Amino acid sequence: MLSENEIKILEFLKRKGEAHVQEISESTGLPVSTVYSNIRLLESKGIVKIVSEESKKTFQLTAEGTLRLENGLPEDRLISILNGKEMSIKELKDLMGKDFDLALGWARRKSLIVLENDLVRPKVAQYASPELIGLREVSVGKVPSKETLDILIKRKLVEVKEEKTMLVRLVQDVKPRPVELYLTHEMLVSGSWKSVDFKPYNVEANPPFFPLGKGHYFREFIEKVKDLLVSLGFTEVSGNFVETEFFNFDMLFQPQDHPAREIHDSFVVEGQGRLPDPNLVVNVREVHEKWWKYSWSEDNAKRLVLRSQTTSVTARVLSTKPKKIRSFTIGKVFRPDAIDATHLIEFHQLDGLVVEDGYSFRDLLSTLRDIFQGLGIKQIKFKPGYFPFTEPSVEVYGFIEALGWVEMAGAGLLRREVTEPAGVFSPAGAWGIGIDRLAMLFLGVKDIRDLYSLDIEYLRSRRVI
C-alpha cells in the first residue's frame, strides 16, 4: 500500500530510473524533507535503493554580503572618497554615516590610512578589497581562496550551509493501487471498493492537542472569593496603590514613631498627598496626642507610601461616616522583603468591614465562619489575638487536610480610637486575610511566585477552579 506522495515519487522514477532528491522535489513539487522521508519508506518496502548519500558545504551571500557586493566594502568607499587627499574625521563621518567607524577600522587594519589628530590621510590612491572579488565569486557559485573565504565568513558577509544529496534508483516496478481513507455508499453500490486499498487506522496514535483557553488560576481564585463575599451581602470597594500615611497608618491609630512606619518597612513615594476633611484631621490628631502622648505631625501624615495594607481602604470607607455598611476590598499591597518561596514584595490582601448597630463580637465570629465555610473550610476555630486597631481581637484557624490547623486571618472589633474620630459610632467589625497564602493552601502551590507565573505550559497544567 502506497501513499499519494510515494506514488508521485515512483511515477517520476519510472521515467528517470534514478535521480537525486532535489531533482525529485523539483519535479513532483514535494518539499525536500518530504521526499527524504518517503524515500526511506520506499526503501524499507524494497521498491527503491539509495545509491549514494553525501553532504556538501555550499556558500551563500548573507544580506550584508549582498549589500556590500552592490555598494562596495566600507574601506573601499573610504579610499575612494579620500581620492588621495586627507580629510577631517567630521567630513568623512558626514559623508559615510554609520559605515564610517567600520571603514576606519578595516582601513587601519589593512594599513590603508594614517590618522593624524582629526585628519585621515590615505596611503594609497585607489584600493579594491580581495573580499569584494570573493563576494563576486560566491555570487556566481564559485568558491574563493581559503584565506579570502575565511575573512568573508568572519565578517559575516558569507554563510556556510550544509546540503545533503541522495541518489535514488528504482529497483522494483510496482503498480500502485489508489489508497482511500473512507468507505462510501457509492463504493458499496458500485463494488469499486474491491479495486482500492484502504489506509488502515492507527488506533494507538495520540489525537491532536487542542489547548483550551482559560483564565489565570490565581485570578480565578480571587474572583471566586469576590463572588462568595458578594453572595454574603458585601459590596466591593477599592483604593489607590499610592496612599498617604494618614489613611495607611494614622487613621488606624498607629503612632507616627511606630516601627512599621520606618522606611525599611514600607515603600516611600516622593512627594506629599492631601489631607482629608480638616475636622477628621483634628480628631485623629487629638486621639493620637491624648492616648499616645506625643506631638502629632501633619507633615508626616501627608507623606506618600505604596500602601502596606488594604486596611487603608477600610480607613477611607470609615472617613465617609457610614451608618451601616458591609464592604470588602481585595488588592495588592507592598512591603520590602527578601523574595523567596513564601515572600514577595507585592501580594494580595482581603479586608472586610461591617458597620451595623448592635453588631457584636459574636456576630463577627459568625461572619468569619460563613466566609471560610463558603471557601470550603468546614472546621474553624478562634484564638484570642492582638492587633493595633481592633479590640477585642481574634486569630482565625482553619483545618486543611494534610496540613492540620493553619492560621487564616486576623480580625476584631475596630477600636473606638479608630471609628469615633471618623464619626462612626456604631460597632464595626473588620478582618484581614492574606489572599496569596490562602490561595497557596487551597491550590497546593508550594512557591508563592508560581501564583504570578506566566509560563504557558505551567498554566495549562493547572486545573480550572
Foldseek 3Di string as FASTA:
>chain_A
DDAPVLVLLLVVCVVVQKDKLVVSCVVSVNDSVVSVVSLVVCVVVVFKDWPDKDKDKAKDFDPVLVVCLVVNQLLQVVLQVCQQHKDFLVVVCVVPPPSSVVNVVVCVVVVQWDDDPRMIGGPDRGDHDPLSVQSVQSVVRHHDDPVSVVVCVVVRRMDMDMGMMIMMGGDDDDDDFAEDADDDPVCVVVVVVVRHHYDDDDPPDDDDDDFDDDDFQLVLVVVLLVVLLVVVPAAEDDDDQKDFCCLLALLLLHDLPHPCNDCQWFPWDPDFADDPDVLLVVLSQVLNCVPVVDHDDPRNRRTMTRRQACCSVVLVVLLVQDQWHKYKYKDKGATDDDADQVDDRIAIKMKIKTFYAPCDPVNLVVVVCSSVVSVVFNDKDWDFDDDSFFPRKIWIWTQAPPPGTDTFKIKHWGDCSNRVSSPHDTIMIMMMGGSLVVCCRVQVRRGSVVSVDPPVVVSSPGDHD
